[in-house]
C-alpha atoms as a PDB file:
ATOM      1  CA  MET A   1      -5.164 -16.040 -30.140  1.00  0.00           C
ATOM      2  CA  SER A   2      -3.177 -12.953 -29.172  1.00  0.00           C
ATOM      3  CA  PRO A   3      -3.286  -9.937 -31.498  1.00  0.00           C
ATOM      4  CA  ASP A   4      -0.328  -9.511 -33.799  1.00  0.00           C
ATOM      5  CA  PRO A   5       1.529  -6.388 -32.492  1.00  0.00           C
ATOM      6  CA  SER A   6       2.866  -5.564 -35.940  1.00  0.00           C
ATOM      7  CA  GLN A   7      -0.619  -5.742 -37.442  1.00  0.00           C
ATOM      8  CA  THR A   8      -1.969  -3.526 -34.663  1.00  0.00           C
ATOM      9  CA  ARG A   9       0.735  -0.959 -35.400  1.00  0.00           C
ATOM     10  CA  ARG A  10      -0.087  -1.066 -39.116  1.00  0.00           C
ATOM     11  CA  ASN A  11      -3.764  -0.551 -38.372  1.00  0.00           C
ATOM     12  CA  ASP A  12      -2.987   2.386 -36.082  1.00  0.00           C
ATOM     13  CA  THR A  13      -0.741   3.921 -38.710  1.00  0.00           C
ATOM     14  CA  GLY A  14      -3.426   3.469 -41.359  1.00  0.00           C
ATOM     15  CA  ARG A  15      -6.066   5.175 -39.220  1.00  0.00           C
ATOM     16  CA  ARG A  16      -3.653   7.961 -38.370  1.00  0.00           C
ATOM     17  CA  ASP A  17      -2.724   8.566 -42.013  1.00  0.00           C
ATOM     18  CA  ALA A  18      -6.384   8.578 -43.029  1.00  0.00           C
ATOM     19  CA  ALA A  19      -7.264  11.072 -40.305  1.00  0.00           C
ATOM     20  CA  LEU A  20      -4.361  13.344 -41.280  1.00  0.00           C
ATOM     21  CA  ALA A  21      -5.351  13.238 -44.947  1.00  0.00           C
ATOM     22  CA  ALA A  22      -8.929  14.147 -44.059  1.00  0.00           C
ATOM     23  CA  LEU A  23      -7.774  16.980 -41.801  1.00  0.00           C
ATOM     24  CA  ARG A  24      -5.518  18.394 -44.501  1.00  0.00           C
ATOM     25  CA  ARG A  25      -8.381  18.398 -46.987  1.00  0.00           C
ATOM     26  CA  GLU A  26     -10.605  20.354 -44.618  1.00  0.00           C
ATOM     27  CA  LEU A  27      -8.152  22.453 -42.587  1.00  0.00           C
ATOM     28  CA  PRO A  28      -5.311  24.090 -44.501  1.00  0.00           C
ATOM     29  CA  GLY A  29      -2.167  24.316 -42.417  1.00  0.00           C
ATOM     30  CA  VAL A  30      -2.835  21.358 -40.150  1.00  0.00           C
ATOM     31  CA  ARG A  31       0.357  19.578 -39.020  1.00  0.00           C
ATOM     32  CA  ALA A  32       1.138  16.258 -37.364  1.00  0.00           C
ATOM     33  CA  ASP A  33       3.409  15.452 -34.411  1.00  0.00           C
ATOM     34  CA  VAL A  34       4.029  19.087 -33.483  1.00  0.00           C
ATOM     35  CA  PRO A  35       6.024  19.676 -30.255  1.00  0.00           C
ATOM     36  CA  LEU A  36       3.848  21.636 -27.822  1.00  0.00           C
ATOM     37  CA  ALA A  37       6.598  22.729 -25.437  1.00  0.00           C
ATOM     38  CA  PRO A  38       7.432  25.896 -27.456  1.00  0.00           C
ATOM     39  CA  PHE A  39       3.802  27.028 -27.173  1.00  0.00           C
ATOM     40  CA  CYS A  40       3.544  26.505 -23.405  1.00  0.00           C
ATOM     41  CA  ALA A  41       4.741  28.598 -20.482  1.00  0.00           C
ATOM     42  CA  TYR A  42       6.298  25.552 -18.835  1.00  0.00           C
ATOM     43  CA  ARG A  43       8.280  24.720 -21.993  1.00  0.00           C
ATOM     44  CA  VAL A  44       7.800  21.000 -21.371  1.00  0.00           C
ATOM     45  CA  GLY A  45       5.525  18.293 -22.705  1.00  0.00           C
ATOM     46  CA  GLY A  46       5.178  16.061 -25.707  1.00  0.00           C
ATOM     47  CA  PRO A  47       3.693  16.654 -29.169  1.00  0.00           C
ATOM     48  CA  ALA A  48       0.215  17.304 -30.454  1.00  0.00           C
ATOM     49  CA  GLN A  49      -0.952  14.420 -32.617  1.00  0.00           C
ATOM     50  CA  TYR A  50      -2.435  17.041 -34.968  1.00  0.00           C
ATOM     51  CA  LEU A  51      -2.290  20.818 -34.651  1.00  0.00           C
ATOM     52  CA  VAL A  52      -3.881  23.760 -36.437  1.00  0.00           C
ATOM     53  CA  GLU A  53      -3.994  27.499 -35.769  1.00  0.00           C
ATOM     54  CA  ALA A  54      -7.353  29.288 -35.858  1.00  0.00           C
ATOM     55  CA  HIS A  55      -7.054  33.009 -36.617  1.00  0.00           C
ATOM     56  CA  ASP A  56     -10.732  33.917 -36.450  1.00  0.00           C
ATOM     57  CA  ALA A  57     -13.949  32.619 -34.941  1.00  0.00           C
ATOM     58  CA  GLY A  58     -14.981  30.994 -38.217  1.00  0.00           C
ATOM     59  CA  ALA A  59     -11.748  29.009 -38.410  1.00  0.00           C
ATOM     60  CA  MET A  60     -12.191  27.923 -34.796  1.00  0.00           C
ATOM     61  CA  THR A  61     -15.731  26.720 -35.410  1.00  0.00           C
ATOM     62  CA  ARG A  62     -14.678  24.957 -38.601  1.00  0.00           C
ATOM     63  CA  ALA A  63     -11.809  23.125 -36.876  1.00  0.00           C
ATOM     64  CA  LEU A  64     -14.106  21.966 -34.082  1.00  0.00           C
ATOM     65  CA  SER A  65     -16.658  20.728 -36.616  1.00  0.00           C
ATOM     66  CA  VAL A  66     -14.097  18.810 -38.659  1.00  0.00           C
ATOM     67  CA  ALA A  67     -12.610  17.164 -35.574  1.00  0.00           C
ATOM     68  CA  ARG A  68     -16.077  16.155 -34.406  1.00  0.00           C
ATOM     69  CA  GLY A  69     -16.824  14.631 -37.803  1.00  0.00           C
ATOM     70  CA  LEU A  70     -13.644  12.564 -37.568  1.00  0.00           C
ATOM     71  CA  ASP A  71     -14.360  11.563 -33.959  1.00  0.00           C
ATOM     72  CA  LEU A  72     -11.129  13.171 -32.775  1.00  0.00           C
ATOM     73  CA  ALA A  73     -10.537  14.511 -29.296  1.00  0.00           C
ATOM     74  CA  VAL A  74     -10.116  18.306 -29.285  1.00  0.00           C
ATOM     75  CA  THR A  75      -7.906  20.488 -27.091  1.00  0.00           C
ATOM     76  CA  VAL A  76      -8.017  24.263 -27.469  1.00  0.00           C
ATOM     77  CA  LEU A  77      -4.988  26.241 -26.285  1.00  0.00           C
ATOM     78  CA  GLY A  78      -4.552  29.996 -26.029  1.00  0.00           C
ATOM     79  CA  GLN A  79      -1.222  31.146 -24.640  1.00  0.00           C
ATOM     80  CA  ALA A  80      -0.981  27.929 -22.553  1.00  0.00           C
ATOM     81  CA  THR A  81       0.113  29.808 -19.437  1.00  0.00           C
ATOM     82  CA  ASN A  82      -1.856  27.666 -17.013  1.00  0.00           C
ATOM     83  CA  VAL A  83      -1.465  24.161 -18.421  1.00  0.00           C
ATOM     84  CA  LEU A  84       0.992  21.310 -18.021  1.00  0.00           C
ATOM     85  CA  VAL A  85       1.243  19.082 -21.089  1.00  0.00           C
ATOM     86  CA  ALA A  86       2.201  15.482 -20.351  1.00  0.00           C
ATOM     87  CA  ASP A  87       5.444  14.095 -21.742  1.00  0.00           C
ATOM     88  CA  GLU A  88       3.411  11.682 -23.869  1.00  0.00           C
ATOM     89  CA  GLY A  89       1.762  14.613 -25.605  1.00  0.00           C
ATOM     90  CA  VAL A  90      -1.875  15.225 -26.515  1.00  0.00           C
ATOM     91  CA  ARG A  91      -3.910  12.975 -28.791  1.00  0.00           C
ATOM     92  CA  GLY A  92      -6.427  14.266 -31.292  1.00  0.00           C
ATOM     93  CA  LEU A  93      -6.539  17.782 -32.678  1.00  0.00           C
ATOM     94  CA  VAL A  94      -4.971  20.681 -30.797  1.00  0.00           C
ATOM     95  CA  ILE A  95      -6.364  24.048 -31.895  1.00  0.00           C
ATOM     96  CA  LEU A  96      -4.262  27.115 -31.165  1.00  0.00           C
ATOM     97  CA  ALA A  97      -6.698  29.978 -30.605  1.00  0.00           C
ATOM     98  CA  ARG A  98      -5.277  33.010 -32.383  1.00  0.00           C
ATOM     99  CA  ASN A  99      -8.572  34.824 -32.972  1.00  0.00           C
ATOM    100  CA  GLY A 100      -7.705  38.200 -31.522  1.00  0.00           C
ATOM    101  CA  GLU A 101     -10.279  40.479 -33.166  1.00  0.00           C
ATOM    102  CA  GLN A 102     -11.398  43.447 -31.030  1.00  0.00           C
ATOM    103  CA  GLU A 103     -14.122  46.073 -31.189  1.00  0.00           C
ATOM    104  CA  ILE A 104     -14.944  48.870 -28.742  1.00  0.00           C
ATOM    105  CA  ASP A 105     -18.426  50.401 -28.699  1.00  0.00           C
ATOM    106  CA  ASP A 106     -18.726  53.141 -26.088  1.00  0.00           C
ATOM    107  CA  ASP A 107     -17.913  51.323 -22.832  1.00  0.00           C
ATOM    108  CA  VAL A 108     -18.132  47.766 -24.187  1.00  0.00           C
ATOM    109  CA  LEU A 109     -15.183  45.708 -25.402  1.00  0.00           C
ATOM    110  CA  ALA A 110     -15.892  42.735 -27.669  1.00  0.00           C
ATOM    111  CA  VAL A 111     -12.782  40.576 -28.071  1.00  0.00           C
ATOM    112  CA  GLY A 112     -11.844  37.200 -29.508  1.00  0.00           C
ATOM    113  CA  SER A 113     -10.771  34.402 -27.199  1.00  0.00           C
ATOM    114  CA  GLY A 114      -7.284  34.188 -28.699  1.00  0.00           C
ATOM    115  CA  ALA A 115      -6.341  37.801 -27.938  1.00  0.00           C
ATOM    116  CA  VAL A 116      -3.399  38.194 -25.542  1.00  0.00           C
ATOM    117  CA  LEU A 117      -4.820  39.558 -22.301  1.00  0.00           C
ATOM    118  CA  THR A 118      -1.901  41.820 -21.366  1.00  0.00           C
ATOM    119  CA  GLN A 119      -1.839  43.397 -24.825  1.00  0.00           C
ATOM    120  CA  VAL A 120      -5.590  44.026 -24.760  1.00  0.00           C
ATOM    121  CA  ILE A 121      -5.396  45.753 -21.375  1.00  0.00           C
ATOM    122  CA  ALA A 122      -2.358  47.838 -22.318  1.00  0.00           C
ATOM    123  CA  ASP A 123      -4.168  49.025 -25.462  1.00  0.00           C
ATOM    124  CA  LEU A 124      -7.229  49.920 -23.393  1.00  0.00           C
ATOM    125  CA  ALA A 125      -5.115  51.926 -20.952  1.00  0.00           C
ATOM    126  CA  GLU A 126      -3.577  53.857 -23.844  1.00  0.00           C
ATOM    127  CA  ARG A 127      -7.140  54.796 -24.812  1.00  0.00           C
ATOM    128  CA  SER A 128      -7.982  55.846 -21.216  1.00  0.00           C
ATOM    129  CA  LEU A 129     -10.261  52.836 -20.725  1.00  0.00           C
ATOM    130  CA  GLY A 130     -10.157  50.824 -17.518  1.00  0.00           C
ATOM    131  CA  GLY A 131     -12.057  48.010 -15.895  1.00  0.00           C
ATOM    132  CA  LEU A 132      -9.566  45.234 -16.573  1.00  0.00           C
ATOM    133  CA  GLU A 133      -6.378  46.898 -15.338  1.00  0.00           C
ATOM    134  CA  PHE A 134      -6.206  44.543 -12.325  1.00  0.00           C
ATOM    135  CA  ALA A 135      -5.299  41.823 -14.847  1.00  0.00           C
ATOM    136  CA  GLY A 136      -2.780  43.946 -16.731  1.00  0.00           C
ATOM    137  CA  ASN A 137       0.102  41.589 -15.932  1.00  0.00           C
ATOM    138  CA  ILE A 138      -1.687  38.254 -15.907  1.00  0.00           C
ATOM    139  CA  PRO A 139      -0.255  36.204 -18.780  1.00  0.00           C
ATOM    140  CA  GLY A 140      -2.567  34.282 -21.054  1.00  0.00           C
ATOM    141  CA  SER A 141      -5.368  34.696 -23.542  1.00  0.00           C
ATOM    142  CA  VAL A 142      -8.799  36.232 -23.081  1.00  0.00           C
ATOM    143  CA  GLY A 143     -10.404  32.814 -23.474  1.00  0.00           C
ATOM    144  CA  GLY A 144      -8.194  31.302 -20.803  1.00  0.00           C
ATOM    145  CA  ALA A 145      -8.903  34.230 -18.487  1.00  0.00           C
ATOM    146  CA  VAL A 146     -12.641  33.653 -18.867  1.00  0.00           C
ATOM    147  CA  VAL A 147     -12.445  29.889 -18.377  1.00  0.00           C
ATOM    148  CA  GLY A 148     -10.278  30.221 -15.262  1.00  0.00           C
ATOM    149  CA  ASN A 149     -11.868  33.447 -13.971  1.00  0.00           C
ATOM    150  CA  ALA A 150      -8.458  35.081 -13.789  1.00  0.00           C
ATOM    151  CA  GLY A 151      -8.003  37.741 -11.187  1.00  0.00           C
ATOM    152  CA  ALA A 152      -5.778  39.693  -8.820  1.00  0.00           C
ATOM    153  CA  TYR A 153      -6.091  42.086  -5.903  1.00  0.00           C
ATOM    154  CA  GLY A 154      -9.573  40.951  -4.985  1.00  0.00           C
ATOM    155  CA  ARG A 155     -11.007  41.422  -8.468  1.00  0.00           C
ATOM    156  CA  CYS A 156     -11.675  38.927 -11.228  1.00  0.00           C
ATOM    157  CA  VAL A 157     -12.814  38.644 -14.829  1.00  0.00           C
ATOM    158  CA  ALA A 158     -16.372  37.766 -13.810  1.00  0.00           C
ATOM    159  CA  ASP A 159     -16.709  41.203 -12.183  1.00  0.00           C
ATOM    160  CA  VAL A 160     -16.622  43.006 -15.539  1.00  0.00           C
ATOM    161  CA  LEU A 161     -17.872  40.308 -17.894  1.00  0.00           C
ATOM    162  CA  ILE A 162     -21.066  41.049 -19.838  1.00  0.00           C
ATOM    163  CA  ASP A 163     -21.392  37.778 -21.732  1.00  0.00           C
ATOM    164  CA  VAL A 164     -19.465  35.012 -23.479  1.00  0.00           C
ATOM    165  CA  THR A 165     -19.922  33.544 -26.950  1.00  0.00           C
ATOM    166  CA  LEU A 166     -19.460  29.777 -26.979  1.00  0.00           C
ATOM    167  CA  VAL A 167     -19.506  27.025 -29.540  1.00  0.00           C
ATOM    168  CA  GLY A 168     -20.775  23.725 -28.215  1.00  0.00           C
ATOM    169  CA  PRO A 169     -19.753  20.161 -29.061  1.00  0.00           C
ATOM    170  CA  ASP A 170     -22.708  19.997 -31.456  1.00  0.00           C
ATOM    171  CA  GLY A 171     -21.398  23.011 -33.387  1.00  0.00           C
ATOM    172  CA  THR A 172     -24.084  25.433 -32.256  1.00  0.00           C
ATOM    173  CA  THR A 173     -23.088  28.911 -31.125  1.00  0.00           C
ATOM    174  CA  ALA A 174     -24.639  30.619 -28.116  1.00  0.00           C
ATOM    175  CA  THR A 175     -24.076  33.772 -26.121  1.00  0.00           C
ATOM    176  CA  VAL A 176     -24.474  33.238 -22.385  1.00  0.00           C
ATOM    177  CA  ALA A 177     -24.533  35.526 -19.365  1.00  0.00           C
ATOM    178  CA  PRO A 178     -22.033  35.135 -16.494  1.00  0.00           C
ATOM    179  CA  ASP A 179     -24.697  33.594 -14.249  1.00  0.00           C
ATOM    180  CA  ALA A 180     -24.743  30.539 -16.501  1.00  0.00           C
ATOM    181  CA  LEU A 181     -21.039  29.881 -16.015  1.00  0.00           C
ATOM    182  CA  ALA A 182     -20.842  29.274 -12.248  1.00  0.00           C
ATOM    183  CA  PHE A 183     -17.869  31.550 -11.738  1.00  0.00           C
ATOM    184  CA  ALA A 184     -15.918  30.987  -8.541  1.00  0.00           C
ATOM    185  CA  TYR A 185     -12.360  31.500  -7.352  1.00  0.00           C
ATOM    186  CA  ARG A 186     -10.146  30.722 -10.368  1.00  0.00           C
ATOM    187  CA  THR A 187     -12.726  28.530 -12.029  1.00  0.00           C
ATOM    188  CA  SER A 188     -15.997  28.292 -13.942  1.00  0.00           C
ATOM    189  CA  VAL A 189     -18.226  25.565 -15.315  1.00  0.00           C
ATOM    190  CA  LEU A 190     -16.113  25.778 -18.487  1.00  0.00           C
ATOM    191  CA  LYS A 191     -13.091  24.651 -16.490  1.00  0.00           C
ATOM    192  CA  SER A 192     -14.573  22.381 -13.843  1.00  0.00           C
ATOM    193  CA  GLY A 193     -17.586  21.072 -15.752  1.00  0.00           C
ATOM    194  CA  SER A 194     -19.356  20.443 -12.451  1.00  0.00           C
ATOM    195  CA  PRO A 195     -21.242  23.348 -10.868  1.00  0.00           C
ATOM    196  CA  ASP A 196     -22.775  22.839  -7.460  1.00  0.00           C
ATOM    197  CA  GLU A 197     -26.305  21.508  -7.454  1.00  0.00           C
ATOM    198  CA  GLY A 198     -28.861  24.236  -7.029  1.00  0.00           C
ATOM    199  CA  THR A 199     -26.859  26.934  -8.797  1.00  0.00           C
ATOM    200  CA  THR A 200     -28.125  28.629 -11.932  1.00  0.00           C
ATOM    201  CA  ALA A 201     -25.345  26.972 -13.920  1.00  0.00           C
ATOM    202  CA  ALA A 202     -26.222  23.464 -12.757  1.00  0.00           C
ATOM    203  CA  ALA A 203     -29.113  23.278 -15.194  1.00  0.00           C
ATOM    204  CA  ASP A 204     -26.833  24.366 -18.020  1.00  0.00           C
ATOM    205  CA  ALA A 205     -23.903  22.099 -17.202  1.00  0.00           C
ATOM    206  CA  GLY A 206     -24.803  19.450 -19.738  1.00  0.00           C
ATOM    207  CA  ARG A 207     -25.269  22.054 -22.460  1.00  0.00           C
ATOM    208  CA  LEU A 208     -21.981  23.804 -21.658  1.00  0.00           C
ATOM    209  CA  ASP A 209     -19.833  20.739 -21.038  1.00  0.00           C
ATOM    210  CA  GLY A 210     -17.159  20.736 -23.723  1.00  0.00           C
ATOM    211  CA  ALA A 211     -18.069  24.208 -24.978  1.00  0.00           C
ATOM    212  CA  VAL A 212     -15.273  26.419 -26.318  1.00  0.00           C
ATOM    213  CA  VAL A 213     -15.000  30.170 -25.822  1.00  0.00           C
ATOM    214  CA  LEU A 214     -15.072  32.111 -29.096  1.00  0.00           C
ATOM    215  CA  GLY A 215     -15.176  35.586 -27.604  1.00  0.00           C
ATOM    216  CA  ALA A 216     -16.363  37.739 -24.737  1.00  0.00           C
ATOM    217  CA  ARG A 217     -17.686  41.204 -23.970  1.00  0.00           C
ATOM    218  CA  PHE A 218     -16.528  43.319 -21.037  1.00  0.00           C
ATOM    219  CA  ARG A 219     -17.867  46.472 -19.422  1.00  0.00           C
ATOM    220  CA  LEU A 220     -15.221  49.209 -19.428  1.00  0.00           C
ATOM    221  CA  THR A 221     -14.895  52.340 -17.332  1.00  0.00           C
ATOM    222  CA  PRO A 222     -13.319  55.657 -18.379  1.00  0.00           C
ATOM    223  CA  GLY A 223     -10.060  56.446 -16.645  1.00  0.00           C
ATOM    224  CA  SER A 224      -6.877  58.453 -16.739  1.00  0.00           C
ATOM    225  CA  ARG A 225      -4.386  57.117 -19.267  1.00  0.00           C
ATOM    226  CA  SER A 226      -1.403  57.958 -17.060  1.00  0.00           C
ATOM    227  CA  ALA A 227      -3.021  56.526 -13.919  1.00  0.00           C
ATOM    228  CA  LEU A 228      -3.947  53.284 -15.653  1.00  0.00           C
ATOM    229  CA  LEU A 229      -0.504  52.843 -17.190  1.00  0.00           C
ATOM    230  CA  ASP A 230       1.143  53.649 -13.843  1.00  0.00           C
ATOM    231  CA  GLU A 231      -0.983  51.051 -12.072  1.00  0.00           C
ATOM    232  CA  ILE A 232      -0.026  48.401 -14.609  1.00  0.00           C
ATOM    233  CA  ALA A 233       3.646  49.364 -14.365  1.00  0.00           C
ATOM    234  CA  ARG A 234       3.648  49.246 -10.545  1.00  0.00           C
ATOM    235  CA  ASP A 235       2.051  45.817 -10.612  1.00  0.00           C
ATOM    236  CA  ALA A 236       4.649  44.624 -13.129  1.00  0.00           C
ATOM    237  CA  GLU A 237       7.476  45.811 -10.902  1.00  0.00           C
ATOM    238  CA  LEU A 238       5.929  44.136  -7.860  1.00  0.00           C
ATOM    239  CA  ARG A 239       5.634  40.869  -9.745  1.00  0.00           C
ATOM    240  CA  ARG A 240       9.252  41.089 -10.916  1.00  0.00           C
ATOM    241  CA  SER A 241      10.373  41.537  -7.328  1.00  0.00           C
ATOM    242  CA  LYS A 242       8.325  38.606  -5.969  1.00  0.00           C
ATOM    243  CA  HIS A 243       8.152  36.070  -8.776  1.00  0.00           C
ATOM    244  CA  PRO A 244      10.913  33.850 -10.240  1.00  0.00           C
ATOM    245  CA  LEU A 245      10.442  35.095 -13.784  1.00  0.00           C
ATOM    246  CA  GLU A 246      13.857  33.801 -14.808  1.00  0.00           C
ATOM    247  CA  TYR A 247      12.464  30.247 -14.791  1.00  0.00           C
ATOM    248  CA  ALA A 248       9.719  28.622 -16.828  1.00  0.00           C
ATOM    249  CA  SER A 249       6.537  28.194 -14.820  1.00  0.00           C
ATOM    250  CA  CYS A 250       2.782  28.666 -14.907  1.00  0.00           C
ATOM    251  CA  GLY A 251       2.774  31.153 -12.052  1.00  0.00           C
ATOM    252  CA  SER A 252       0.924  30.081  -8.915  1.00  0.00           C
ATOM    253  CA  TYR A 253       0.582  26.320  -9.116  1.00  0.00           C
ATOM    254  CA  PHE A 254      -1.992  25.813  -6.357  1.00  0.00           C
ATOM    255  CA  LYS A 255      -5.176  27.686  -5.555  1.00  0.00           C
ATOM    256  CA  ASN A 256      -5.114  29.664  -2.336  1.00  0.00           C
ATOM    257  CA  PRO A 257      -7.104  27.822   0.369  1.00  0.00           C
ATOM    258  CA  SER A 258      -8.205  31.234   1.670  1.00  0.00           C
ATOM    259  CA  PRO A 259      -7.216  34.896   1.264  1.00  0.00           C
ATOM    260  CA  GLU A 260      -5.840  34.868   4.803  1.00  0.00           C
ATOM    261  CA  ARG A 261      -3.796  31.685   4.343  1.00  0.00           C
ATOM    262  CA  PRO A 262      -2.467  31.471   0.767  1.00  0.00           C
ATOM    263  CA  ALA A 263      -0.936  28.288  -0.572  1.00  0.00           C
ATOM    264  CA  ALA A 264       2.551  29.816  -0.569  1.00  0.00           C
ATOM    265  CA  ARG A 265       2.430  30.274   3.207  1.00  0.00           C
ATOM    266  CA  TYR A 266       1.528  26.640   3.831  1.00  0.00           C
ATOM    267  CA  ILE A 267       4.298  25.480   1.495  1.00  0.00           C
ATOM    268  CA  GLU A 268       6.877  27.787   3.052  1.00  0.00           C
ATOM    269  CA  GLU A 269       5.908  26.876   6.614  1.00  0.00           C
ATOM    270  CA  THR A 270       6.308  23.209   5.694  1.00  0.00           C
ATOM    271  CA  GLY A 271       9.916  24.003   4.773  1.00  0.00           C
ATOM    272  CA  LEU A 272       9.548  23.176   1.101  1.00  0.00           C
ATOM    273  CA  LYS A 273      11.224  26.162  -0.548  1.00  0.00           C
ATOM    274  CA  GLY A 274      13.982  24.778  -2.736  1.00  0.00           C
ATOM    275  CA  LEU A 275      12.583  21.229  -2.700  1.00  0.00           C
ATOM    276  CA  THR A 276      13.666  19.607  -5.960  1.00  0.00           C
ATOM    277  CA  VAL A 277      12.308  16.548  -7.742  1.00  0.00           C
ATOM    278  CA  GLY A 278      14.128  15.683 -10.945  1.00  0.00           C
ATOM    279  CA  ARG A 279      14.509  19.007 -12.747  1.00  0.00           C
ATOM    280  CA  ALA A 280      11.558  20.733 -11.056  1.00  0.00           C
ATOM    281  CA  ARG A 281      11.890  22.918  -7.973  1.00  0.00           C
ATOM    282  CA  VAL A 282       9.804  24.854  -5.472  1.00  0.00           C
ATOM    283  CA  SER A 283      10.976  28.415  -5.993  1.00  0.00           C
ATOM    284  CA  GLN A 284      13.087  29.999  -3.277  1.00  0.00           C
ATOM    285  CA  ARG A 285      11.490  33.336  -4.103  1.00  0.00           C
ATOM    286  CA  HIS A 286       7.795  32.377  -4.134  1.00  0.00           C
ATOM    287  CA  ALA A 287       6.793  29.038  -2.637  1.00  0.00           C
ATOM    288  CA  ASN A 288       3.702  28.620  -4.836  1.00  0.00           C
ATOM    289  CA  PHE A 289       5.800  28.653  -8.007  1.00  0.00           C
ATOM    290  CA  LEU A 290       6.916  25.199  -9.125  1.00  0.00           C
ATOM    291  CA  VAL A 291       9.574  26.050 -11.678  1.00  0.00           C
ATOM    292  CA  ALA A 292      11.030  23.979 -14.490  1.00  0.00           C
ATOM    293  CA  LEU A 293      14.810  23.903 -14.590  1.00  0.00           C
ATOM    294  CA  ASP A 294      16.688  23.267 -17.837  1.00  0.00           C
ATOM    295  CA  GLY A 295      16.020  19.727 -18.992  1.00  0.00           C
ATOM    296  CA  ALA A 296      12.830  19.297 -16.957  1.00  0.00           C
ATOM    297  CA  PHE A 297      10.091  16.865 -17.900  1.00  0.00           C
ATOM    298  CA  ALA A 298       6.398  17.254 -17.188  1.00  0.00           C
ATOM    299  CA  ALA A 299       6.703  14.162 -14.997  1.00  0.00           C
ATOM    300  CA  ASP A 300       9.180  16.035 -12.775  1.00  0.00           C
ATOM    301  CA  ILE A 301       6.676  18.842 -12.194  1.00  0.00           C
ATOM    302  CA  GLN A 302       3.845  16.394 -11.570  1.00  0.00           C
ATOM    303  CA  ALA A 303       5.952  14.468  -9.048  1.00  0.00           C
ATOM    304  CA  LEU A 304       7.014  17.665  -7.288  1.00  0.00           C
ATOM    305  CA  ALA A 305       3.388  18.847  -7.057  1.00  0.00           C
ATOM    306  CA  ALA A 306       2.349  15.506  -5.581  1.00  0.00           C
ATOM    307  CA  GLU A 307       5.115  15.683  -2.962  1.00  0.00           C
ATOM    308  CA  VAL A 308       4.207  19.245  -2.001  1.00  0.00           C
ATOM    309  CA  LYS A 309       0.556  18.262  -1.603  1.00  0.00           C
ATOM    310  CA  ARG A 310       1.486  15.213   0.465  1.00  0.00           C
ATOM    311  CA  ARG A 311       3.717  17.111   2.873  1.00  0.00           C
ATOM    312  CA  VAL A 312       1.368  20.068   3.336  1.00  0.00           C
ATOM    313  CA  LEU A 313      -1.511  17.687   4.056  1.00  0.00           C
ATOM    314  CA  GLU A 314       0.629  15.762   6.529  1.00  0.00           C
ATOM    315  CA  GLU A 315       1.892  18.933   8.263  1.00  0.00           C
ATOM    316  CA  HIS A 316      -1.211  21.139   8.210  1.00  0.00           C
ATOM    317  CA  GLY A 317      -4.158  18.903   7.339  1.00  0.00           C
ATOM    318  CA  VAL A 318      -4.824  21.083   4.279  1.00  0.00           C
ATOM    319  CA  GLU A 319      -5.287  19.521   0.837  1.00  0.00           C
ATOM    320  CA  LEU A 320      -3.939  21.887  -1.784  1.00  0.00           C
ATOM    321  CA  GLU A 321      -5.887  22.070  -5.039  1.00  0.00           C
ATOM    322  CA  GLU A 322      -4.006  22.492  -8.287  1.00  0.00           C
ATOM    323  CA  GLU A 323      -4.810  25.572 -10.338  1.00  0.00           C
ATOM    324  CA  VAL A 324      -2.695  24.391 -13.277  1.00  0.00           C
ATOM    325  CA  VAL A 325      -4.594  22.153 -15.718  1.00  0.00           C
ATOM    326  CA  ARG A 326      -2.945  18.925 -16.837  1.00  0.00           C
ATOM    327  CA  LEU A 327      -3.342  17.871 -20.459  1.00  0.00           C
ATOM    328  CA  GLY A 328      -2.603  14.679 -22.338  1.00  0.00           C
ATOM    329  CA  GLY A 329      -0.877  11.552 -21.176  1.00  0.00           C
ATOM    330  CA  ALA A 330      -0.794   7.919 -22.053  1.00  0.00           C
END
């Protein structure tokens, strides 16, 4: 006998209402069916089934614990500058990391994962403290920068990272050294979940799989306030001249296959600048930017990325790897 669709819908609604009631008892401020597009750099994507903001490490840990107790999937978002949320949205609990606490002790910065990276670095420069200025115009949160090993100009977060405080799926908190995180070009075990066998991080992969960044410590270096601010300003001007900042995007969509042959060069040489699928387009200004035009859907961007990958592989024999992380879906 086939299931009764109306009964299935009633059961789903009942479970959903029960989960929401339980979340509201435990997590003040939790909301249901919240559009995620306004929180994301791409400005596309469907709703979060449930959403809560965490303004300190305790709130983050509490939200993770409650979701685990309710057997809900968890997605943690910072500034969402490197993610593409599916049009169907994200099931389970979405936690917006807004824990931006900071403390400087001599040449060590301790900072919460929800702090805005550009603001942190600008504040450091004002205090004549360098070390992270290479990332002074990289959008996103500190947590996202750690997970994706953000970098520019041959330098990356891992170069100045002392350690990272994580909370695991079991609710335990641990502070780990960079060697445990298998940092590589624009990735870490926290992003990929699959370090190469034989690396230091391989033994820790099971323990770290699903872990969430609560905060990090960085080694700073004294510098000239004016020189640091000038460097950040010059980089900002360079980015304005090269990048299509007038459109919504997540910056470089694909990882560079090599420093000598960046993804943008392969895409441009394949003649794909201006290629449009639906309301998504390969930027005419920078070929590795897949921009969202007004009215775009996440599906448009996904389809455009697939077409770019197909044509570059066909033309050059190079398989481009996406740097942007996809979230949600049916």
